[in-house]
Amino acid sequence: MSYQRQRGSEPEKTVLERVLFHGHPMVRALHPTTIEITTEEHLTERGDCIIGIGASSGCAGLRAETRRALGVDGARVSIRILVAGERFEVRGVGDSRLPLSNQRDIVIRRSTYVDGRTLAVRADFAAVDIPRKIVETLKRTDALGVLEVEVTQH
């Protein structure tokens, strides 16, 4: 889904995409620099940035329109984590270096590091910042989550 807003004399283009995922008992959300969801169905203690498994898509599975928008330097990216009526928002930026090529994973990074799993860089929050109420819910296998990605270019 995309739509345009007028901002001053230049139109803004916004693209919205939702990725579904579910919880796992090993969700810890303790990583200080990243947040990740994966299409994999398992999780180990080492995955302390992973907040959900069984995702409906990795970076490569995002719509072409979303991938194009994320590939614009400085595009504003709002990522909302929606779980059991709770909401947590992370803001980052797009980057022309993003290959968005990984089939399994989506990673949001505080740093400017880019690889095939990276969705956005320079994020204002990481897994450790997610409210513990959301994290506790995501420890349940029946917990369903939505990663809502909104990209705005001007």
Protein backbone atom coordinates (compact mmCIF):
# COMPACT_ATOMS: atom_id res chain seq x y z
CA MET A 1 0.00 0.00 0.00
CA SER A 2 1.29 3.46 -0.78
CA TYR A 3 -0.07 6.95 -0.72
CA GLN A 4 1.13 10.49 -1.26
CA ARG A 5 0.93 13.48 1.07
CA GLN A 6 1.62 17.06 0.18
CA ARG A 7 4.29 18.69 2.31
CA GLY A 8 4.86 22.25 1.28
CA SER A 9 5.25 22.16 -2.49
CA GLU A 10 6.88 18.72 -2.68
CA PRO A 11 4.83 15.52 -2.45
CA GLU A 12 5.82 12.87 0.08
CA LYS A 13 5.43 9.23 -0.85
CA THR A 14 4.68 6.71 1.88
CA VAL A 15 4.84 2.94 1.54
CA LEU A 16 3.37 0.61 4.17
CA GLU A 17 4.09 -3.10 4.60
CA ARG A 18 3.22 -5.60 7.33
CA VAL A 19 5.20 -8.72 8.25
CA LEU A 20 3.54 -11.24 10.55
CA PHE A 21 5.47 -13.32 13.10
CA HIS A 22 4.91 -15.25 16.33
CA GLY A 23 6.53 -15.71 19.70
CA HIS A 24 8.91 -18.29 21.16
CA PRO A 25 9.86 -19.17 24.78
CA MET A 26 13.50 -18.16 24.12
CA VAL A 27 12.68 -14.54 23.16
CA ARG A 28 14.87 -12.39 25.41
CA ALA A 29 15.22 -9.07 23.53
CA LEU A 30 18.45 -8.05 25.27
CA HIS A 31 20.60 -6.94 22.33
CA PRO A 32 21.77 -3.30 22.63
CA THR A 33 22.08 -2.50 18.90
CA THR A 34 19.64 -4.60 16.83
CA ILE A 35 16.10 -5.99 16.60
CA GLU A 36 15.43 -9.06 14.46
CA ILE A 37 12.57 -11.23 13.27
CA THR A 38 13.16 -14.45 11.33
CA THR A 39 11.23 -16.90 9.19
CA GLU A 40 12.99 -19.72 11.05
CA GLU A 41 10.91 -21.73 13.49
CA HIS A 42 13.57 -22.17 16.16
CA LEU A 43 15.51 -19.85 18.44
CA THR A 44 18.49 -20.35 20.74
CA GLU A 45 19.83 -18.30 23.66
CA ARG A 46 22.37 -16.70 21.35
CA GLY A 47 19.53 -14.99 19.43
CA ASP A 48 19.13 -12.23 21.98
CA CYS A 49 18.08 -9.68 19.35
CA ILE A 50 15.30 -11.89 17.92
CA ILE A 51 11.79 -10.90 19.01
CA GLY A 52 9.83 -13.26 16.77
CA ILE A 53 10.00 -16.34 14.58
CA GLY A 54 7.95 -17.80 11.75
CA ALA A 55 7.90 -14.41 10.01
CA SER A 56 5.87 -14.15 6.83
CA SER A 57 8.88 -12.63 5.05
CA GLY A 58 12.58 -11.85 5.20
CA CYS A 59 13.99 -8.72 3.56
CA ALA A 60 14.00 -10.30 0.10
CA GLY A 61 10.30 -11.13 0.34
CA LEU A 62 9.20 -7.54 0.87
CA ARG A 63 7.28 -5.97 -2.01
CA ALA A 64 9.46 -4.31 -4.69
CA GLU A 65 7.86 -0.96 -3.87
CA THR A 66 8.94 -1.27 -0.22
CA ARG A 67 12.47 -2.34 -1.14
CA ARG A 68 12.82 0.61 -3.54
CA ALA A 69 11.63 3.06 -0.86
CA LEU A 70 14.02 1.62 1.76
CA GLY A 71 16.90 2.03 -0.73
CA VAL A 72 16.64 5.82 -0.73
CA ASP A 73 19.28 7.55 1.40
CA GLY A 74 17.62 9.31 4.31
CA ALA A 75 14.12 7.89 3.73
CA ARG A 76 12.28 7.98 7.06
CA VAL A 77 11.44 4.49 8.30
CA SER A 78 8.93 3.93 11.10
CA ILE A 79 8.78 0.36 12.35
CA ARG A 80 5.90 -0.49 14.66
CA ILE A 81 5.92 -3.70 16.67
CA LEU A 82 2.30 -4.60 17.39
CA VAL A 83 1.59 -7.41 19.87
CA ALA A 84 -1.54 -8.18 21.92
CA GLY A 85 -2.84 -4.60 21.80
CA GLU A 86 0.59 -3.16 22.68
CA ARG A 87 2.65 -0.99 20.34
CA PHE A 88 6.33 -0.03 20.25
CA GLU A 89 7.72 2.26 17.56
CA VAL A 90 11.28 2.39 16.28
CA ARG A 91 12.49 5.03 13.85
CA GLY A 92 15.41 4.60 11.47
CA VAL A 93 16.45 5.60 7.98
CA GLY A 94 16.80 4.00 4.59
CA ASP A 95 20.12 3.63 2.81
CA SER A 96 21.08 3.18 -0.85
CA ARG A 97 23.53 0.43 0.21
CA LEU A 98 20.73 -1.87 1.45
CA PRO A 99 20.70 -5.07 -0.65
CA LEU A 100 17.56 -6.40 1.15
CA SER A 101 18.51 -9.81 -0.16
CA ASN A 102 18.12 -12.16 2.80
CA GLN A 103 15.23 -14.62 2.47
CA ARG A 104 15.01 -15.43 6.20
CA ASP A 105 15.71 -12.38 8.35
CA ILE A 106 14.82 -8.73 8.91
CA VAL A 107 17.20 -6.72 11.12
CA ILE A 108 16.81 -3.14 12.32
CA ARG A 109 20.17 -1.60 13.33
CA ARG A 110 21.23 1.32 15.49
CA SER A 111 24.51 1.42 13.55
CA THR A 112 25.11 2.10 9.86
CA TYR A 113 26.27 -1.49 9.19
CA VAL A 114 24.53 -2.97 6.14
CA ASP A 115 24.16 -6.55 4.97
CA GLY A 116 21.43 -8.54 3.20
CA ARG A 117 19.40 -8.80 6.41
CA THR A 118 19.33 -5.05 7.18
CA LEU A 119 15.95 -3.29 6.86
CA ALA A 120 16.92 0.12 8.31
CA VAL A 121 19.93 1.81 9.89
CA ARG A 122 20.48 4.51 12.55
CA ALA A 123 17.50 3.26 14.56
CA ASP A 124 16.62 5.06 17.76
CA PHE A 125 15.93 1.84 19.69
CA ALA A 126 17.14 -1.77 19.89
CA ALA A 127 15.75 -5.02 21.31
CA VAL A 128 16.81 -4.15 24.86
CA ASP A 129 14.57 -1.04 24.72
CA ILE A 130 11.36 -2.92 23.92
CA PRO A 131 8.96 -2.74 26.88
CA ARG A 132 9.20 -5.90 28.97
CA LYS A 133 5.41 -6.37 28.80
CA ILE A 134 5.75 -6.91 25.02
CA VAL A 135 8.79 -9.17 25.50
CA GLU A 136 6.94 -11.31 28.06
CA THR A 137 4.03 -11.69 25.65
CA LEU A 138 6.43 -12.68 22.85
CA LYS A 139 7.75 -15.54 25.01
CA ARG A 140 4.44 -17.32 24.37
CA THR A 141 4.26 -19.55 21.30
CA ASP A 142 0.67 -18.44 20.68
CA ALA A 143 1.63 -14.74 20.64
CA LEU A 144 1.09 -13.15 17.25
CA GLY A 145 2.96 -10.03 16.23
CA VAL A 146 3.03 -7.59 13.35
CA LEU A 147 6.08 -5.68 12.19
CA GLU A 148 4.57 -2.69 10.42
CA VAL A 149 7.09 -0.90 8.20
CA GLU A 150 6.24 2.59 6.95
CA VAL A 151 8.72 4.30 4.64
CA THR A 152 8.37 7.99 3.77
CA GLN A 153 10.37 9.71 1.04
CA HIS A 154 10.33 13.33 0.09
